[in-house]
Amino acid sequence: MAKITYVEFNGTRHEIDVKPGMTVMEGARDNGVPGIDADCGGACACSTCHVYVDKDWIEKLPPRDPMEEDMLDFAYEPDPVTSRLTCQIKVTDELDGLIVNLPEKQI
């Protein structure tokens, strides 16, 4: 299991054990973390699972693919460096300790 910390816009933290092979979005959805809407169910067809990855973790994640880049254009206040779609981040043991910050809202 990898412990992922989801930080709501108001500062509330949710530390969730997520099974490797799942996505960061599935970990949030399955554990009722507010602020990850995941309207498309993880198909990378919306931006409602947008987060800002903690700067210490940016280089440890695989790069964004072109489809994720395109969908981030629709996210609320995307950051060119830290924004990611959680449906596109597969959990591995190496992601134990990952911290993601949720935006003020999802669109």
N, C-alpha and C. Protein backbone atom coordinates (compact mmCIF):
# COMPACT_ATOMS: atom_id res chain seq x y z
N MET A 1 0.83 -1.18 0.00
CA MET A 1 0.00 0.00 0.00
C MET A 1 0.88 1.25 0.00
N ALA A 2 0.38 2.26 -0.65
CA ALA A 2 1.05 3.56 -0.66
C ALA A 2 0.14 4.55 0.06
N LYS A 3 0.69 5.29 0.99
CA LYS A 3 -0.07 6.31 1.69
C LYS A 3 -0.04 7.58 0.85
N ILE A 4 -1.22 8.02 0.41
CA ILE A 4 -1.37 9.24 -0.37
C ILE A 4 -2.08 10.26 0.51
N THR A 5 -1.55 11.48 0.56
CA THR A 5 -2.19 12.55 1.32
C THR A 5 -2.87 13.51 0.37
N TYR A 6 -4.18 13.63 0.53
CA TYR A 6 -5.00 14.55 -0.26
C TYR A 6 -5.29 15.74 0.64
N VAL A 7 -4.94 16.95 0.19
CA VAL A 7 -5.15 18.14 0.99
C VAL A 7 -6.23 18.99 0.32
N GLU A 8 -7.36 19.12 1.02
CA GLU A 8 -8.45 19.94 0.49
C GLU A 8 -8.01 21.39 0.43
N PHE A 9 -8.72 22.19 -0.33
CA PHE A 9 -8.41 23.61 -0.49
C PHE A 9 -8.41 24.33 0.85
N ASN A 10 -9.27 23.88 1.78
CA ASN A 10 -9.35 24.51 3.10
C ASN A 10 -8.29 24.01 4.07
N GLY A 11 -7.42 23.10 3.62
CA GLY A 11 -6.33 22.59 4.45
C GLY A 11 -6.60 21.24 5.11
N THR A 12 -7.81 20.75 5.04
CA THR A 12 -8.13 19.44 5.62
C THR A 12 -7.35 18.36 4.90
N ARG A 13 -6.68 17.51 5.66
CA ARG A 13 -5.84 16.45 5.10
C ARG A 13 -6.53 15.09 5.23
N HIS A 14 -6.39 14.29 4.19
CA HIS A 14 -6.90 12.93 4.18
C HIS A 14 -5.74 12.02 3.82
N GLU A 15 -5.27 11.21 4.76
CA GLU A 15 -4.20 10.25 4.49
C GLU A 15 -4.86 8.90 4.20
N ILE A 16 -4.68 8.43 2.97
CA ILE A 16 -5.38 7.23 2.50
C ILE A 16 -4.36 6.20 2.03
N ASP A 17 -4.54 4.96 2.46
CA ASP A 17 -3.73 3.86 1.93
C ASP A 17 -4.38 3.42 0.62
N VAL A 18 -3.60 3.50 -0.46
CA VAL A 18 -4.12 3.16 -1.78
C VAL A 18 -3.31 1.98 -2.32
N LYS A 19 -4.03 1.00 -2.81
CA LYS A 19 -3.42 -0.23 -3.33
C LYS A 19 -2.68 0.05 -4.64
N PRO A 20 -1.46 -0.44 -4.78
CA PRO A 20 -0.76 -0.31 -6.06
C PRO A 20 -1.59 -0.87 -7.20
N GLY A 21 -1.54 -0.18 -8.33
CA GLY A 21 -2.33 -0.56 -9.50
C GLY A 21 -3.57 0.29 -9.66
N MET A 22 -4.04 0.85 -8.55
CA MET A 22 -5.17 1.79 -8.63
C MET A 22 -4.62 3.14 -9.07
N THR A 23 -5.50 4.07 -9.35
CA THR A 23 -5.06 5.43 -9.64
C THR A 23 -5.25 6.28 -8.39
N VAL A 24 -4.57 7.42 -8.37
CA VAL A 24 -4.73 8.36 -7.26
C VAL A 24 -6.19 8.81 -7.19
N MET A 25 -6.85 8.96 -8.34
CA MET A 25 -8.27 9.32 -8.37
C MET A 25 -9.13 8.24 -7.71
N GLU A 26 -8.88 6.99 -8.03
CA GLU A 26 -9.67 5.90 -7.45
C GLU A 26 -9.51 5.85 -5.94
N GLY A 27 -8.30 6.11 -5.46
CA GLY A 27 -8.07 6.15 -4.02
C GLY A 27 -8.93 7.22 -3.36
N ALA A 28 -9.02 8.39 -3.98
CA ALA A 28 -9.84 9.47 -3.42
C ALA A 28 -11.32 9.12 -3.51
N ARG A 29 -11.75 8.69 -4.67
CA ARG A 29 -13.16 8.36 -4.90
C ARG A 29 -13.65 7.26 -3.95
N ASP A 30 -12.87 6.20 -3.84
CA ASP A 30 -13.29 5.06 -3.03
C ASP A 30 -13.28 5.35 -1.54
N ASN A 31 -12.62 6.44 -1.14
CA ASN A 31 -12.53 6.79 0.27
C ASN A 31 -13.25 8.10 0.60
N GLY A 32 -14.06 8.58 -0.33
CA GLY A 32 -14.91 9.73 -0.07
C GLY A 32 -14.18 11.04 0.14
N VAL A 33 -13.03 11.21 -0.50
CA VAL A 33 -12.32 12.48 -0.37
C VAL A 33 -13.08 13.54 -1.16
N PRO A 34 -13.56 14.60 -0.49
CA PRO A 34 -14.29 15.64 -1.21
C PRO A 34 -13.36 16.45 -2.10
N GLY A 35 -13.87 16.86 -3.25
CA GLY A 35 -13.08 17.70 -4.15
C GLY A 35 -12.51 16.98 -5.34
N ILE A 36 -12.61 15.66 -5.38
CA ILE A 36 -12.24 14.88 -6.56
C ILE A 36 -13.56 14.35 -7.13
N ASP A 37 -14.07 15.05 -8.13
CA ASP A 37 -15.38 14.70 -8.68
C ASP A 37 -15.31 13.50 -9.62
N ALA A 38 -14.28 13.44 -10.46
CA ALA A 38 -14.07 12.31 -11.37
C ALA A 38 -15.31 12.01 -12.21
N ASP A 39 -15.85 13.04 -12.83
CA ASP A 39 -17.09 12.89 -13.60
C ASP A 39 -16.99 11.86 -14.71
N CYS A 40 -15.84 11.70 -15.34
CA CYS A 40 -15.72 10.76 -16.45
C CYS A 40 -15.32 9.37 -15.99
N GLY A 41 -15.14 9.18 -14.70
CA GLY A 41 -14.81 7.86 -14.17
C GLY A 41 -13.39 7.41 -14.44
N GLY A 42 -12.53 8.32 -14.84
CA GLY A 42 -11.13 7.97 -15.05
C GLY A 42 -10.74 7.78 -16.50
N ALA A 43 -11.57 8.23 -17.43
CA ALA A 43 -11.29 8.05 -18.85
C ALA A 43 -10.46 9.17 -19.46
N CYS A 44 -10.00 10.10 -18.64
CA CYS A 44 -9.23 11.26 -19.11
C CYS A 44 -10.04 12.05 -20.14
N ALA A 45 -11.34 12.20 -19.83
CA ALA A 45 -12.24 12.92 -20.73
C ALA A 45 -12.81 14.17 -20.07
N CYS A 46 -12.27 14.54 -18.91
CA CYS A 46 -12.69 15.76 -18.22
C CYS A 46 -11.52 16.23 -17.37
N SER A 47 -11.75 17.23 -16.57
CA SER A 47 -10.66 17.72 -15.71
C SER A 47 -11.09 17.76 -14.25
N THR A 48 -12.10 16.98 -13.87
CA THR A 48 -12.66 17.09 -12.53
C THR A 48 -11.94 16.24 -11.48
N CYS A 49 -10.77 15.75 -11.81
CA CYS A 49 -9.92 15.09 -10.82
C CYS A 49 -8.57 15.80 -10.74
N HIS A 50 -8.57 17.06 -11.13
CA HIS A 50 -7.38 17.89 -11.16
C HIS A 50 -6.83 18.14 -9.75
N VAL A 51 -5.51 18.06 -9.61
CA VAL A 51 -4.82 18.40 -8.36
C VAL A 51 -3.51 19.12 -8.68
N TYR A 52 -2.94 19.69 -7.64
CA TYR A 52 -1.59 20.24 -7.70
C TYR A 52 -0.70 19.29 -6.92
N VAL A 53 0.27 18.68 -7.59
CA VAL A 53 1.18 17.74 -6.94
C VAL A 53 2.21 18.53 -6.15
N ASP A 54 2.47 18.09 -4.93
CA ASP A 54 3.49 18.72 -4.10
C ASP A 54 4.81 18.77 -4.88
N LYS A 55 5.48 19.91 -4.81
CA LYS A 55 6.69 20.13 -5.61
C LYS A 55 7.76 19.06 -5.41
N ASP A 56 7.84 18.48 -4.22
CA ASP A 56 8.84 17.43 -3.97
C ASP A 56 8.55 16.14 -4.75
N TRP A 57 7.37 16.02 -5.30
CA TRP A 57 6.96 14.80 -5.99
C TRP A 57 6.90 14.92 -7.50
N ILE A 58 7.00 16.12 -8.02
CA ILE A 58 6.85 16.34 -9.47
C ILE A 58 7.77 15.45 -10.29
N GLU A 59 9.03 15.43 -9.96
CA GLU A 59 10.02 14.67 -10.73
C GLU A 59 9.91 13.17 -10.53
N LYS A 60 9.18 12.73 -9.52
CA LYS A 60 9.05 11.31 -9.23
C LYS A 60 7.89 10.66 -9.99
N LEU A 61 7.06 11.50 -10.62
CA LEU A 61 5.91 10.99 -11.37
C LEU A 61 6.26 10.84 -12.84
N PRO A 62 5.62 9.92 -13.52
CA PRO A 62 5.81 9.85 -14.98
C PRO A 62 5.30 11.14 -15.61
N PRO A 63 5.85 11.52 -16.75
CA PRO A 63 5.40 12.77 -17.38
C PRO A 63 3.96 12.66 -17.87
N ARG A 64 3.36 13.82 -18.05
CA ARG A 64 2.00 13.88 -18.60
C ARG A 64 2.04 13.45 -20.06
N ASP A 65 1.02 12.71 -20.48
CA ASP A 65 0.92 12.39 -21.91
C ASP A 65 0.11 13.48 -22.60
N PRO A 66 0.09 13.51 -23.92
CA PRO A 66 -0.61 14.58 -24.63
C PRO A 66 -2.10 14.69 -24.29
N MET A 67 -2.77 13.57 -24.06
CA MET A 67 -4.20 13.64 -23.74
C MET A 67 -4.42 14.34 -22.39
N GLU A 68 -3.59 14.02 -21.41
CA GLU A 68 -3.70 14.68 -20.11
C GLU A 68 -3.41 16.18 -20.24
N GLU A 69 -2.39 16.52 -21.03
CA GLU A 69 -2.07 17.94 -21.27
C GLU A 69 -3.29 18.66 -21.84
N ASP A 70 -3.96 18.04 -22.81
CA ASP A 70 -5.13 18.66 -23.42
C ASP A 70 -6.26 18.86 -22.40
N MET A 71 -6.51 17.87 -21.57
CA MET A 71 -7.60 17.97 -20.59
C MET A 71 -7.29 19.00 -19.50
N LEU A 72 -6.02 19.16 -19.17
CA LEU A 72 -5.65 20.16 -18.16
C LEU A 72 -5.97 21.58 -18.61
N ASP A 73 -6.09 21.79 -19.92
CA ASP A 73 -6.49 23.11 -20.42
C ASP A 73 -7.88 23.50 -19.91
N PHE A 74 -8.70 22.52 -19.53
CA PHE A 74 -10.05 22.77 -19.07
C PHE A 74 -10.16 22.84 -17.55
N ALA A 75 -9.05 22.58 -16.84
CA ALA A 75 -9.06 22.57 -15.38
C ALA A 75 -9.15 23.99 -14.82
N TYR A 76 -9.60 24.09 -13.58
CA TYR A 76 -9.67 25.37 -12.89
C TYR A 76 -8.26 25.78 -12.46
N GLU A 77 -7.80 26.90 -12.95
CA GLU A 77 -6.49 27.48 -12.62
C GLU A 77 -5.35 26.45 -12.66
N PRO A 78 -5.12 25.83 -13.82
CA PRO A 78 -4.04 24.85 -13.91
C PRO A 78 -2.67 25.52 -13.76
N ASP A 79 -1.77 24.79 -13.17
CA ASP A 79 -0.39 25.24 -13.02
C ASP A 79 0.46 24.46 -14.03
N PRO A 80 1.30 25.13 -14.80
CA PRO A 80 2.04 24.43 -15.84
C PRO A 80 3.02 23.37 -15.32
N VAL A 81 3.39 23.47 -14.05
CA VAL A 81 4.36 22.52 -13.49
C VAL A 81 3.68 21.48 -12.60
N THR A 82 2.80 21.90 -11.70
CA THR A 82 2.30 20.99 -10.67
C THR A 82 0.94 20.36 -10.96
N SER A 83 0.20 20.85 -11.94
CA SER A 83 -1.13 20.30 -12.21
C SER A 83 -1.06 18.92 -12.83
N ARG A 84 -1.90 18.03 -12.31
CA ARG A 84 -2.04 16.69 -12.87
C ARG A 84 -3.49 16.26 -12.73
N LEU A 85 -3.88 15.29 -13.56
CA LEU A 85 -5.17 14.64 -13.42
C LEU A 85 -4.91 13.34 -12.66
N THR A 86 -5.58 13.16 -11.54
CA THR A 86 -5.30 12.00 -10.70
C THR A 86 -5.70 10.68 -11.34
N CYS A 87 -6.57 10.73 -12.35
CA CYS A 87 -6.93 9.49 -13.05
C CYS A 87 -5.77 8.96 -13.89
N GLN A 88 -4.77 9.79 -14.11
CA GLN A 88 -3.64 9.41 -14.95
C GLN A 88 -2.39 9.05 -14.15
N ILE A 89 -2.51 9.02 -12.83
CA ILE A 89 -1.37 8.67 -11.98
C ILE A 89 -1.64 7.30 -11.36
N LYS A 90 -0.95 6.29 -11.86
CA LYS A 90 -1.06 4.94 -11.31
C LYS A 90 -0.24 4.86 -10.03
N VAL A 91 -0.84 4.29 -9.00
CA VAL A 91 -0.16 4.15 -7.71
C VAL A 91 0.81 2.99 -7.76
N THR A 92 2.01 3.24 -7.28
CA THR A 92 3.04 2.21 -7.10
C THR A 92 3.57 2.37 -5.67
N ASP A 93 4.33 1.38 -5.21
CA ASP A 93 4.94 1.47 -3.89
C ASP A 93 5.85 2.70 -3.77
N GLU A 94 6.43 3.09 -4.89
CA GLU A 94 7.33 4.25 -4.90
C GLU A 94 6.60 5.56 -4.63
N LEU A 95 5.28 5.57 -4.75
CA LEU A 95 4.52 6.79 -4.50
C LEU A 95 4.07 6.91 -3.05
N ASP A 96 4.55 6.01 -2.18
CA ASP A 96 4.23 6.10 -0.76
C ASP A 96 4.69 7.46 -0.22
N GLY A 97 3.75 8.23 0.31
CA GLY A 97 4.05 9.56 0.83
C GLY A 97 3.65 10.69 -0.10
N LEU A 98 3.13 10.37 -1.29
CA LEU A 98 2.71 11.39 -2.25
C LEU A 98 1.71 12.35 -1.62
N ILE A 99 1.87 13.64 -1.90
CA ILE A 99 0.96 14.67 -1.41
C ILE A 99 0.39 15.40 -2.61
N VAL A 100 -0.94 15.49 -2.66
CA VAL A 100 -1.61 16.25 -3.71
C VAL A 100 -2.54 17.27 -3.06
N ASN A 101 -2.59 18.46 -3.64
CA ASN A 101 -3.41 19.55 -3.13
C ASN A 101 -4.56 19.80 -4.10
N LEU A 102 -5.78 19.86 -3.56
CA LEU A 102 -6.95 20.04 -4.40
C LEU A 102 -7.19 21.51 -4.68
N PRO A 103 -7.66 21.82 -5.89
CA PRO A 103 -7.97 23.21 -6.21
C PRO A 103 -9.21 23.68 -5.46
N GLU A 104 -9.48 24.97 -5.56
CA GLU A 104 -10.65 25.56 -4.91
C GLU A 104 -11.94 24.91 -5.41
N LYS A 105 -11.96 24.57 -6.71
CA LYS A 105 -13.14 23.92 -7.28
C LYS A 105 -12.71 23.12 -8.50
N GLN A 106 -13.59 22.25 -8.95
CA GLN A 106 -13.39 21.48 -10.16
C GLN A 106 -14.37 21.99 -11.21
N ILE A 107 -13.93 22.05 -12.46
CA ILE A 107 -14.83 22.47 -13.53
C ILE A 107 -14.73 21.50 -14.68
